[in-house]
Amino acid sequence: MAAGQETSPEVQTAQPEPRTAPLWHVVLLNDDDHTYAYVIEMLGKLFGHGQETAYRMAREVDTTGRVIVATLVFERAEFKQQQIHAYGPDPRITHCQGSMRAVLEPAE
């Protein structure tokens, strides 16, 4: 550096802390219009759950009335909820009128 030449001080810019998006539970609700086979098939197709995991979830929703099937960022959870609602009736039950229901809850 030449004599008499000033240098500007280095400016430190604060990096914002990375934030993670809040997570949401996709909660499948029980009803009496869908078979275990339907639930297991749906959970496999929509969420990629294996037979064993899907069966365990089917038992839980049947015995407790609800089961968390996924925990995701809101937009993805909402999409999965819509897929559940659009999955259609259980063809194994003649009086079945439509899809199962699911709600979203903050994972906290």
PDB file of N, CA and C in Angstrom:
ATOM      1  N   MET A   1       0.851  -1.149   0.000  1.00  0.00           N
ATOM      2  CA  MET A   1       0.000   0.000   0.000  1.00  0.00           C
ATOM      3  C   MET A   1       0.906   1.224   0.000  1.00  0.00           C
ATOM      4  N   ALA A   2       0.509   2.198  -0.762  1.00  0.00           N
ATOM      5  CA  ALA A   2       1.305   3.418  -0.879  1.00  0.00           C
ATOM      6  C   ALA A   2       1.127   4.259   0.365  1.00  0.00           C
ATOM      7  N   ALA A   3       2.169   5.031   0.692  1.00  0.00           N
ATOM      8  CA  ALA A   3       2.127   5.882   1.862  1.00  0.00           C
ATOM      9  C   ALA A   3       1.007   6.896   1.713  1.00  0.00           C
ATOM     10  N   GLY A   4       0.270   7.113   2.796  1.00  0.00           N
ATOM     11  CA  GLY A   4      -0.786   8.100   2.787  1.00  0.00           C
ATOM     12  C   GLY A   4      -2.106   7.568   2.261  1.00  0.00           C
ATOM     13  N   GLN A   5      -2.118   6.328   1.822  1.00  0.00           N
ATOM     14  CA  GLN A   5      -3.364   5.775   1.286  1.00  0.00           C
ATOM     15  C   GLN A   5      -4.104   5.076   2.427  1.00  0.00           C
ATOM     16  N   GLU A   6      -5.337   5.471   2.619  1.00  0.00           N
ATOM     17  CA  GLU A   6      -6.122   4.881   3.697  1.00  0.00           C
ATOM     18  C   GLU A   6      -6.914   3.694   3.169  1.00  0.00           C
ATOM     19  N   THR A   7      -7.112   2.793   4.035  1.00  0.00           N
ATOM     20  CA  THR A   7      -7.949   1.649   3.671  1.00  0.00           C
ATOM     21  C   THR A   7      -9.259   1.762   4.427  1.00  0.00           C
ATOM     22  N   SER A   8     -10.287   1.347   3.797  1.00  0.00           N
ATOM     23  CA  SER A   8     -11.579   1.388   4.473  1.00  0.00           C
ATOM     24  C   SER A   8     -11.678   0.170   5.385  1.00  0.00           C
ATOM     25  N   PRO A   9     -12.271   0.365   6.527  1.00  0.00           N
ATOM     26  CA  PRO A   9     -12.400  -0.766   7.447  1.00  0.00           C
ATOM     27  C   PRO A   9     -13.307  -1.827   6.831  1.00  0.00           C
ATOM     28  N   GLU A  10     -13.008  -3.066   7.169  1.00  0.00           N
ATOM     29  CA  GLU A  10     -13.847  -4.148   6.669  1.00  0.00           C
ATOM     30  C   GLU A  10     -15.221  -4.045   7.307  1.00  0.00           C
ATOM     31  N   VAL A  11     -16.209  -4.184   6.486  1.00  0.00           N
ATOM     32  CA  VAL A  11     -17.574  -4.120   6.982  1.00  0.00           C
ATOM     33  C   VAL A  11     -18.057  -5.543   7.218  1.00  0.00           C
ATOM     34  N   GLN A  12     -18.447  -5.781   8.413  1.00  0.00           N
ATOM     35  CA  GLN A  12     -18.991  -7.094   8.760  1.00  0.00           C
ATOM     36  C   GLN A  12     -20.507  -7.021   8.601  1.00  0.00           C
ATOM     37  N   THR A  13     -21.035  -7.860   7.766  1.00  0.00           N
ATOM     38  CA  THR A  13     -22.486  -7.912   7.634  1.00  0.00           C
ATOM     39  C   THR A  13     -22.991  -9.087   8.438  1.00  0.00           C
ATOM     40  N   ALA A  14     -23.980  -8.816   9.210  1.00  0.00           N
ATOM     41  CA  ALA A  14     -24.546  -9.877  10.045  1.00  0.00           C
ATOM     42  C   ALA A  14     -25.347 -10.826   9.161  1.00  0.00           C
ATOM     43  N   GLN A  15     -25.044 -12.084   9.298  1.00  0.00           N
ATOM     44  CA  GLN A  15     -25.793 -13.098   8.561  1.00  0.00           C
ATOM     45  C   GLN A  15     -27.030 -13.453   9.378  1.00  0.00           C
ATOM     46  N   PRO A  16     -28.171 -13.422   8.732  1.00  0.00           N
ATOM     47  CA  PRO A  16     -29.364 -13.799   9.498  1.00  0.00           C
ATOM     48  C   PRO A  16     -29.309 -15.273   9.878  1.00  0.00           C
ATOM     49  N   GLU A  17     -29.822 -15.560  11.040  1.00  0.00           N
ATOM     50  CA  GLU A  17     -29.879 -16.940  11.490  1.00  0.00           C
ATOM     51  C   GLU A  17     -30.863 -17.693  10.598  1.00  0.00           C
ATOM     52  N   PRO A  18     -30.454 -18.854  10.119  1.00  0.00           N
ATOM     53  CA  PRO A  18     -31.405 -19.616   9.312  1.00  0.00           C
ATOM     54  C   PRO A  18     -32.588 -20.042  10.172  1.00  0.00           C
ATOM     55  N   ARG A  19     -33.767 -19.905   9.609  1.00  0.00           N
ATOM     56  CA  ARG A  19     -34.968 -20.294  10.340  1.00  0.00           C
ATOM     57  C   ARG A  19     -35.564 -21.527   9.679  1.00  0.00           C
ATOM     58  N   THR A  20     -36.050 -22.388  10.485  1.00  0.00           N
ATOM     59  CA  THR A  20     -36.728 -23.546   9.932  1.00  0.00           C
ATOM     60  C   THR A  20     -38.227 -23.287   9.987  1.00  0.00           C
ATOM     61  N   ALA A  21     -38.911 -23.757   8.979  1.00  0.00           N
ATOM     62  CA  ALA A  21     -40.360 -23.588   8.931  1.00  0.00           C
ATOM     63  C   ALA A  21     -40.996 -24.447  10.012  1.00  0.00           C
ATOM     64  N   PRO A  22     -42.055 -23.948  10.632  1.00  0.00           N
ATOM     65  CA  PRO A  22     -42.744 -24.753  11.643  1.00  0.00           C
ATOM     66  C   PRO A  22     -43.313 -26.020  11.007  1.00  0.00           C
ATOM     67  N   LEU A  23     -43.349 -27.078  11.788  1.00  0.00           N
ATOM     68  CA  LEU A  23     -43.855 -28.357  11.290  1.00  0.00           C
ATOM     69  C   LEU A  23     -45.298 -28.575  11.732  1.00  0.00           C
ATOM     70  N   TRP A  24     -46.014 -29.328  10.918  1.00  0.00           N
ATOM     71  CA  TRP A  24     -47.419 -29.645  11.165  1.00  0.00           C
ATOM     72  C   TRP A  24     -47.637 -31.146  11.081  1.00  0.00           C
ATOM     73  N   HIS A  25     -48.500 -31.662  11.961  1.00  0.00           N
ATOM     74  CA  HIS A  25     -48.897 -33.065  11.921  1.00  0.00           C
ATOM     75  C   HIS A  25     -50.085 -33.225  10.984  1.00  0.00           C
ATOM     76  N   VAL A  26     -50.037 -34.253  10.164  1.00  0.00           N
ATOM     77  CA  VAL A  26     -51.205 -34.684   9.397  1.00  0.00           C
ATOM     78  C   VAL A  26     -51.826 -35.799  10.232  1.00  0.00           C
ATOM     79  N   VAL A  27     -53.043 -35.566  10.724  1.00  0.00           N
ATOM     80  CA  VAL A  27     -53.696 -36.489  11.639  1.00  0.00           C
ATOM     81  C   VAL A  27     -54.887 -37.134  10.933  1.00  0.00           C
ATOM     82  N   LEU A  28     -54.821 -38.441  10.752  1.00  0.00           N
ATOM     83  CA  LEU A  28     -55.908 -39.199  10.143  1.00  0.00           C
ATOM     84  C   LEU A  28     -56.945 -39.502  11.215  1.00  0.00           C
ATOM     85  N   LEU A  29     -58.220 -39.265  10.876  1.00  0.00           N
ATOM     86  CA  LEU A  29     -59.312 -39.479  11.829  1.00  0.00           C
ATOM     87  C   LEU A  29     -60.069 -40.762  11.502  1.00  0.00           C
ATOM     88  N   ASN A  30     -60.514 -41.438  12.517  1.00  0.00           N
ATOM     89  CA  ASN A  30     -61.207 -42.716  12.350  1.00  0.00           C
ATOM     90  C   ASN A  30     -62.651 -42.523  11.912  1.00  0.00           C
ATOM     91  N   ASP A  31     -63.161 -43.522  11.229  1.00  0.00           N
ATOM     92  CA  ASP A  31     -64.579 -43.644  10.932  1.00  0.00           C
ATOM     93  C   ASP A  31     -64.868 -45.131  10.770  1.00  0.00           C
ATOM     94  N   ASP A  32     -66.122 -45.473  10.598  1.00  0.00           N
ATOM     95  CA  ASP A  32     -66.483 -46.890  10.468  1.00  0.00           C
ATOM     96  C   ASP A  32     -66.723 -47.291   9.020  1.00  0.00           C
ATOM     97  N   ASP A  33     -66.339 -46.448   8.074  1.00  0.00           N
ATOM     98  CA  ASP A  33     -66.631 -46.702   6.659  1.00  0.00           C
ATOM     99  C   ASP A  33     -65.417 -47.094   5.840  1.00  0.00           C
ATOM    100  N   HIS A  34     -64.312 -47.444   6.491  1.00  0.00           N
ATOM    101  CA  HIS A  34     -63.098 -47.810   5.756  1.00  0.00           C
ATOM    102  C   HIS A  34     -62.427 -49.001   6.424  1.00  0.00           C
ATOM    103  N   THR A  35     -61.961 -49.923   5.609  1.00  0.00           N
ATOM    104  CA  THR A  35     -61.313 -51.133   6.114  1.00  0.00           C
ATOM    105  C   THR A  35     -59.832 -50.893   6.406  1.00  0.00           C
ATOM    106  N   TYR A  36     -59.251 -51.802   7.157  1.00  0.00           N
ATOM    107  CA  TYR A  36     -57.810 -51.757   7.385  1.00  0.00           C
ATOM    108  C   TYR A  36     -57.077 -51.796   6.048  1.00  0.00           C
ATOM    109  N   ALA A  37     -57.555 -52.630   5.133  1.00  0.00           N
ATOM    110  CA  ALA A  37     -56.902 -52.755   3.823  1.00  0.00           C
ATOM    111  C   ALA A  37     -56.869 -51.409   3.102  1.00  0.00           C
ATOM    112  N   TYR A  38     -57.974 -50.657   3.177  1.00  0.00           N
ATOM    113  CA  TYR A  38     -58.047 -49.330   2.560  1.00  0.00           C
ATOM    114  C   TYR A  38     -57.011 -48.396   3.181  1.00  0.00           C
ATOM    115  N   VAL A  39     -56.981 -48.362   4.522  1.00  0.00           N
ATOM    116  CA  VAL A  39     -56.056 -47.467   5.229  1.00  0.00           C
ATOM    117  C   VAL A  39     -54.608 -47.829   4.902  1.00  0.00           C
ATOM    118  N   ILE A  40     -54.298 -49.108   4.942  1.00  0.00           N
ATOM    119  CA  ILE A  40     -52.932 -49.556   4.652  1.00  0.00           C
ATOM    120  C   ILE A  40     -52.542 -49.205   3.223  1.00  0.00           C
ATOM    121  N   GLU A  41     -53.438 -49.441   2.281  1.00  0.00           N
ATOM    122  CA  GLU A  41     -53.174 -49.103   0.879  1.00  0.00           C
ATOM    123  C   GLU A  41     -52.961 -47.601   0.699  1.00  0.00           C
ATOM    124  N   MET A  42     -53.856 -46.792   1.285  1.00  0.00           N
ATOM    125  CA  MET A  42     -53.768 -45.340   1.156  1.00  0.00           C
ATOM    126  C   MET A  42     -52.460 -44.811   1.753  1.00  0.00           C
ATOM    127  N   LEU A  43     -52.112 -45.284   2.944  1.00  0.00           N
ATOM    128  CA  LEU A  43     -50.888 -44.801   3.592  1.00  0.00           C
ATOM    129  C   LEU A  43     -49.642 -45.201   2.803  1.00  0.00           C
ATOM    130  N   GLY A  44     -49.692 -46.348   2.166  1.00  0.00           N
ATOM    131  CA  GLY A  44     -48.580 -46.756   1.316  1.00  0.00           C
ATOM    132  C   GLY A  44     -48.463 -45.886   0.077  1.00  0.00           C
ATOM    133  N   LYS A  45     -49.588 -45.654  -0.578  1.00  0.00           N
ATOM    134  CA  LYS A  45     -49.565 -44.876  -1.824  1.00  0.00           C
ATOM    135  C   LYS A  45     -49.279 -43.394  -1.600  1.00  0.00           C
ATOM    136  N   LEU A  46     -49.898 -42.809  -0.588  1.00  0.00           N
ATOM    137  CA  LEU A  46     -49.766 -41.360  -0.385  1.00  0.00           C
ATOM    138  C   LEU A  46     -48.536 -40.956   0.421  1.00  0.00           C
ATOM    139  N   PHE A  47     -48.104 -41.822   1.337  1.00  0.00           N
ATOM    140  CA  PHE A  47     -47.018 -41.449   2.246  1.00  0.00           C
ATOM    141  C   PHE A  47     -45.793 -42.345   2.132  1.00  0.00           C
ATOM    142  N   GLY A  48     -45.909 -43.418   1.376  1.00  0.00           N
ATOM    143  CA  GLY A  48     -44.779 -44.328   1.221  1.00  0.00           C
ATOM    144  C   GLY A  48     -44.521 -45.204   2.434  1.00  0.00           C
ATOM    145  N   HIS A  49     -45.519 -45.323   3.324  1.00  0.00           N
ATOM    146  CA  HIS A  49     -45.355 -46.179   4.495  1.00  0.00           C
ATOM    147  C   HIS A  49     -45.382 -47.647   4.079  1.00  0.00           C
ATOM    148  N   GLY A  50     -44.500 -48.436   4.658  1.00  0.00           N
ATOM    149  CA  GLY A  50     -44.495 -49.871   4.425  1.00  0.00           C
ATOM    150  C   GLY A  50     -45.694 -50.533   5.080  1.00  0.00           C
ATOM    151  N   GLN A  51     -45.923 -51.797   4.733  1.00  0.00           N
ATOM    152  CA  GLN A  51     -47.073 -52.550   5.244  1.00  0.00           C
ATOM    153  C   GLN A  51     -47.128 -52.565   6.776  1.00  0.00           C
ATOM    154  N   GLU A  52     -46.006 -52.799   7.407  1.00  0.00           N
ATOM    155  CA  GLU A  52     -45.976 -52.906   8.864  1.00  0.00           C
ATOM    156  C   GLU A  52     -46.326 -51.577   9.537  1.00  0.00           C
ATOM    157  N   THR A  53     -45.714 -50.496   9.062  1.00  0.00           N
ATOM    158  CA  THR A  53     -45.998 -49.171   9.619  1.00  0.00           C
ATOM    159  C   THR A  53     -47.438 -48.779   9.348  1.00  0.00           C
ATOM    160  N   ALA A  54     -47.915 -49.011   8.131  1.00  0.00           N
ATOM    161  CA  ALA A  54     -49.289 -48.663   7.773  1.00  0.00           C
ATOM    162  C   ALA A  54     -50.289 -49.463   8.602  1.00  0.00           C
ATOM    163  N   TYR A  55     -50.000 -50.745   8.851  1.00  0.00           N
ATOM    164  CA  TYR A  55     -50.884 -51.566   9.677  1.00  0.00           C
ATOM    165  C   TYR A  55     -50.926 -51.025  11.109  1.00  0.00           C
ATOM    166  N   ARG A  56     -49.752 -50.677  11.646  1.00  0.00           N
ATOM    167  CA  ARG A  56     -49.698 -50.124  13.006  1.00  0.00           C
ATOM    168  C   ARG A  56     -50.521 -48.837  13.096  1.00  0.00           C
ATOM    169  N   MET A  57     -50.416 -47.993  12.065  1.00  0.00           N
ATOM    170  CA  MET A  57     -51.189 -46.747  12.042  1.00  0.00           C
ATOM    171  C   MET A  57     -52.683 -47.027  11.907  1.00  0.00           C
ATOM    172  N   ALA A  58     -53.049 -48.014  11.098  1.00  0.00           N
ATOM    173  CA  ALA A  58     -54.459 -48.390  10.946  1.00  0.00           C
ATOM    174  C   ALA A  58     -55.032 -48.864  12.281  1.00  0.00           C
ATOM    175  N   ARG A  59     -54.265 -49.658  13.016  1.00  0.00           N
ATOM    176  CA  ARG A  59     -54.711 -50.107  14.343  1.00  0.00           C
ATOM    177  C   ARG A  59     -54.863 -48.931  15.297  1.00  0.00           C
ATOM    178  N   GLU A  60     -53.900 -48.016  15.248  1.00  0.00           N
ATOM    179  CA  GLU A  60     -53.959 -46.867  16.163  1.00  0.00           C
ATOM    180  C   GLU A  60     -55.167 -45.980  15.868  1.00  0.00           C
ATOM    181  N   VAL A  61     -55.419 -45.694  14.598  1.00  0.00           N
ATOM    182  CA  VAL A  61     -56.576 -44.854  14.273  1.00  0.00           C
ATOM    183  C   VAL A  61     -57.869 -45.565  14.657  1.00  0.00           C
ATOM    184  N   ASP A  62     -57.895 -46.886  14.524  1.00  0.00           N
ATOM    185  CA  ASP A  62     -59.089 -47.658  14.870  1.00  0.00           C
ATOM    186  C   ASP A  62     -59.324 -47.686  16.371  1.00  0.00           C
ATOM    187  N   THR A  63     -58.260 -47.794  17.153  1.00  0.00           N
ATOM    188  CA  THR A  63     -58.408 -47.925  18.604  1.00  0.00           C
ATOM    189  C   THR A  63     -58.470 -46.587  19.336  1.00  0.00           C
ATOM    190  N   THR A  64     -57.778 -45.560  18.819  1.00  0.00           N
ATOM    191  CA  THR A  64     -57.745 -44.272  19.524  1.00  0.00           C
ATOM    192  C   THR A  64     -58.550 -43.179  18.836  1.00  0.00           C
ATOM    193  N   GLY A  65     -58.929 -43.419  17.576  1.00  0.00           N
ATOM    194  CA  GLY A  65     -59.713 -42.419  16.856  1.00  0.00           C
ATOM    195  C   GLY A  65     -58.890 -41.469  16.007  1.00  0.00           C
ATOM    196  N   ARG A  66     -57.567 -41.567  16.133  1.00  0.00           N
ATOM    197  CA  ARG A  66     -56.695 -40.664  15.381  1.00  0.00           C
ATOM    198  C   ARG A  66     -55.279 -41.209  15.369  1.00  0.00           C
ATOM    199  N   VAL A  67     -54.522 -40.804  14.345  1.00  0.00           N
ATOM    200  CA  VAL A  67     -53.114 -41.182  14.276  1.00  0.00           C
ATOM    201  C   VAL A  67     -52.377 -40.138  13.434  1.00  0.00           C
ATOM    202  N   ILE A  68     -51.184 -39.787  13.880  1.00  0.00           N
ATOM    203  CA  ILE A  68     -50.328 -38.891  13.098  1.00  0.00           C
ATOM    204  C   ILE A  68     -49.677 -39.728  12.010  1.00  0.00           C
ATOM    205  N   VAL A  69     -49.942 -39.377  10.755  1.00  0.00           N
ATOM    206  CA  VAL A  69     -49.393 -40.145   9.637  1.00  0.00           C
ATOM    207  C   VAL A  69     -48.171 -39.478   9.013  1.00  0.00           C
ATOM    208  N   ALA A  70     -47.956 -38.193   9.317  1.00  0.00           N
ATOM    209  CA  ALA A  70     -46.774 -37.481   8.810  1.00  0.00           C
ATOM    210  C   ALA A  70     -46.624 -36.168   9.562  1.00  0.00           C
ATOM    211  N   THR A  71     -45.395 -35.664   9.603  1.00  0.00           N
ATOM    212  CA  THR A  71     -45.097 -34.352  10.174  1.00  0.00           C
ATOM    213  C   THR A  71     -44.260 -33.614   9.136  1.00  0.00           C
ATOM    214  N   LEU A  72     -44.816 -32.502   8.641  1.00  0.00           N
ATOM    215  CA  LEU A  72     -44.251 -31.817   7.475  1.00  0.00           C
ATOM    216  C   LEU A  72     -44.392 -30.307   7.612  1.00  0.00           C
ATOM    217  N   VAL A  73     -43.734 -29.563   6.725  1.00  0.00           N
ATOM    218  CA  VAL A  73     -43.972 -28.120   6.666  1.00  0.00           C
ATOM    219  C   VAL A  73     -45.409 -27.914   6.194  1.00  0.00           C
ATOM    220  N   PHE A  74     -45.980 -26.764   6.498  1.00  0.00           N
ATOM    221  CA  PHE A  74     -47.413 -26.546   6.308  1.00  0.00           C
ATOM    222  C   PHE A  74     -47.886 -26.837   4.884  1.00  0.00           C
ATOM    223  N   GLU A  75     -47.219 -26.305   3.894  1.00  0.00           N
ATOM    224  CA  GLU A  75     -47.682 -26.473   2.515  1.00  0.00           C
ATOM    225  C   GLU A  75     -47.724 -27.950   2.122  1.00  0.00           C
ATOM    226  N   ARG A  76     -46.726 -28.695   2.520  1.00  0.00           N
ATOM    227  CA  ARG A  76     -46.669 -30.126   2.201  1.00  0.00           C
ATOM    228  C   ARG A  76     -47.730 -30.894   3.002  1.00  0.00           C
ATOM    229  N   ALA A  77     -47.914 -30.524   4.271  1.00  0.00           N
ATOM    230  CA  ALA A  77     -48.929 -31.166   5.103  1.00  0.00           C
ATOM    231  C   ALA A  77     -50.325 -30.913   4.531  1.00  0.00           C
ATOM    232  N   GLU A  78     -50.561 -29.688   4.103  1.00  0.00           N
ATOM    233  CA  GLU A  78     -51.854 -29.342   3.514  1.00  0.00           C
ATOM    234  C   GLU A  78     -52.106 -30.143   2.234  1.00  0.00           C
ATOM    235  N   PHE A  79     -51.077 -30.308   1.417  1.00  0.00           N
ATOM    236  CA  PHE A  79     -51.183 -31.100   0.195  1.00  0.00           C
ATOM    237  C   PHE A  79     -51.527 -32.553   0.530  1.00  0.00           C
ATOM    238  N   LYS A  80     -50.860 -33.123   1.530  1.00  0.00           N
ATOM    239  CA  LYS A  80     -51.124 -34.504   1.927  1.00  0.00           C
ATOM    240  C   LYS A  80     -52.539 -34.658   2.483  1.00  0.00           C
ATOM    241  N   GLN A  81     -53.000 -33.668   3.233  1.00  0.00           N
ATOM    242  CA  GLN A  81     -54.373 -33.682   3.735  1.00  0.00           C
ATOM    243  C   GLN A  81     -55.359 -33.702   2.557  1.00  0.00           C
ATOM    244  N   GLN A  82     -55.104 -32.885   1.559  1.00  0.00           N
ATOM    245  CA  GLN A  82     -55.966 -32.848   0.378  1.00  0.00           C
ATOM    246  C   GLN A  82     -55.947 -34.192  -0.358  1.00  0.00           C
ATOM    247  N   GLN A  83     -54.783 -34.834  -0.413  1.00  0.00           N
ATOM    248  CA  GLN A  83     -54.704 -36.139  -1.061  1.00  0.00           C
ATOM    249  C   GLN A  83     -55.543 -37.180  -0.315  1.00  0.00           C
ATOM    250  N   ILE A  84     -55.514 -37.134   1.014  1.00  0.00           N
ATOM    251  CA  ILE A  84     -56.346 -38.046   1.798  1.00  0.00           C
ATOM    252  C   ILE A  84     -57.815 -37.802   1.476  1.00  0.00           C
ATOM    253  N   HIS A  85     -58.224 -36.539   1.466  1.00  0.00           N
ATOM    254  CA  HIS A  85     -59.622 -36.188   1.212  1.00  0.00           C
ATOM    255  C   HIS A  85     -60.061 -36.555  -0.203  1.00  0.00           C
ATOM    256  N   ALA A  86     -59.130 -36.656  -1.121  1.00  0.00           N
ATOM    257  CA  ALA A  86     -59.449 -36.972  -2.516  1.00  0.00           C
ATOM    258  C   ALA A  86     -59.254 -38.445  -2.857  1.00  0.00           C
ATOM    259  N   TYR A  87     -58.829 -39.251  -1.904  1.00  0.00           N
ATOM    260  CA  TYR A  87     -58.476 -40.640  -2.197  1.00  0.00           C
ATOM    261  C   TYR A  87     -59.676 -41.472  -2.649  1.00  0.00           C
ATOM    262  N   GLY A  88     -60.851 -41.116  -2.211  1.00  0.00           N
ATOM    263  CA  GLY A  88     -62.054 -41.805  -2.670  1.00  0.00           C
ATOM    264  C   GLY A  88     -62.581 -42.814  -1.678  1.00  0.00           C
ATOM    265  N   PRO A  89     -63.751 -43.366  -1.988  1.00  0.00           N
ATOM    266  CA  PRO A  89     -64.382 -44.326  -1.080  1.00  0.00           C
ATOM    267  C   PRO A  89     -63.675 -45.671  -1.077  1.00  0.00           C
ATOM    268  N   ASP A  90     -63.954 -46.436  -0.050  1.00  0.00           N
ATOM    269  CA  ASP A  90     -63.409 -47.779   0.074  1.00  0.00           C
ATOM    270  C   ASP A  90     -64.279 -48.722  -0.761  1.00  0.00           C
ATOM    271  N   PRO A  91     -63.726 -49.304  -1.827  1.00  0.00           N
ATOM    272  CA  PRO A  91     -64.545 -50.166  -2.684  1.00  0.00           C
ATOM    273  C   PRO A  91     -64.958 -51.476  -2.001  1.00  0.00           C
ATOM    274  N   ARG A  92     -64.379 -51.776  -0.839  1.00  0.00           N
ATOM    275  CA  ARG A  92     -64.692 -53.004  -0.125  1.00  0.00           C
ATOM    276  C   ARG A  92     -65.960 -52.876   0.724  1.00  0.00           C
ATOM    277  N   ILE A  93     -66.439 -51.636   0.892  1.00  0.00           N
ATOM    278  CA  ILE A  93     -67.627 -51.381   1.712  1.00  0.00           C
ATOM    279  C   ILE A  93     -68.653 -50.676   0.828  1.00  0.00           C
ATOM    280  N   THR A  94     -69.778 -51.327   0.590  1.00  0.00           N
ATOM    281  CA  THR A  94     -70.764 -50.798  -0.364  1.00  0.00           C
ATOM    282  C   THR A  94     -71.381 -49.477   0.071  1.00  0.00           C
ATOM    283  N   HIS A  95     -71.561 -49.256   1.363  1.00  0.00           N
ATOM    284  CA  HIS A  95     -72.179 -48.013   1.823  1.00  0.00           C
ATOM    285  C   HIS A  95     -71.168 -46.875   2.028  1.00  0.00           C
ATOM    286  N   CYS A  96     -69.902 -47.114   1.757  1.00  0.00           N
ATOM    287  CA  CYS A  96     -68.876 -46.079   1.933  1.00  0.00           C
ATOM    288  C   CYS A  96     -69.128 -44.943   0.944  1.00  0.00           C
ATOM    289  N   GLN A  97     -69.223 -43.734   1.458  1.00  0.00           N
ATOM    290  CA  GLN A  97     -69.571 -42.577   0.641  1.00  0.00           C
ATOM    291  C   GLN A  97     -68.387 -41.731   0.180  1.00  0.00           C
ATOM    292  N   GLY A  98     -67.225 -41.890   0.779  1.00  0.00           N
ATOM    293  CA  GLY A  98     -66.110 -41.037   0.395  1.00  0.00           C
ATOM    294  C   GLY A  98     -64.836 -41.369   1.140  1.00  0.00           C
ATOM    295  N   SER A  99     -63.913 -40.457   1.039  1.00  0.00           N
ATOM    296  CA  SER A  99     -62.584 -40.624   1.621  1.00  0.00           C
ATOM    297  C   SER A  99     -62.610 -40.478   3.138  1.00  0.00           C
ATOM    298  N   MET A 100     -61.504 -40.840   3.737  1.00  0.00           N
ATOM    299  CA  MET A 100     -61.319 -40.585   5.160  1.00  0.00           C
ATOM    300  C   MET A 100     -61.036 -39.100   5.348  1.00  0.00           C
ATOM    301  N   ARG A 101     -61.068 -38.639   6.585  1.00  0.00           N
ATOM    302  CA  ARG A 101     -60.810 -37.239   6.906  1.00  0.00           C
ATOM    303  C   ARG A 101     -59.481 -37.119   7.637  1.00  0.00           C
ATOM    304  N   ALA A 102     -58.862 -35.975   7.491  1.00  0.00           N
ATOM    305  CA  ALA A 102     -57.620 -35.677   8.202  1.00  0.00           C
ATOM    306  C   ALA A 102     -57.631 -34.212   8.597  1.00  0.00           C
ATOM    307  N   VAL A 103     -56.955 -33.914   9.682  1.00  0.00           N
ATOM    308  CA  VAL A 103     -56.813 -32.533  10.142  1.00  0.00           C
ATOM    309  C   VAL A 103     -55.322 -32.233  10.273  1.00  0.00           C
ATOM    310  N   LEU A 104     -55.005 -30.955  10.314  1.00  0.00           N
ATOM    311  CA  LEU A 104     -53.631 -30.503  10.525  1.00  0.00           C
ATOM    312  C   LEU A 104     -53.534 -29.887  11.915  1.00  0.00           C
ATOM    313  N   GLU A 105     -52.440 -30.216  12.611  1.00  0.00           N
ATOM    314  CA  GLU A 105     -52.188 -29.661  13.934  1.00  0.00           C
ATOM    315  C   GLU A 105     -50.740 -29.238  14.029  1.00  0.00           C
ATOM    316  N   PRO A 106     -50.449 -28.103  14.670  1.00  0.00           N
ATOM    317  CA  PRO A 106     -49.042 -27.707  14.821  1.00  0.00           C
ATOM    318  C   PRO A 106     -48.272 -28.771  15.594  1.00  0.00           C
ATOM    319  N   ALA A 107     -47.061 -29.050  15.141  1.00  0.00           N
ATOM    320  CA  ALA A 107     -46.235 -30.063  15.805  1.00  0.00           C
ATOM    321  C   ALA A 107     -45.628 -29.543  17.088  1.00  0.00           C
ATOM    322  N   GLU A 108     -45.463 -28.228  17.211  1.00  0.00           N
ATOM    323  CA  GLU A 108     -44.880 -27.539  18.370  1.00  0.00           C
ATOM    324  C   GLU A 108     -43.570 -28.160  18.693  1.00  0.00           C
TER     325      GLU A 108
END
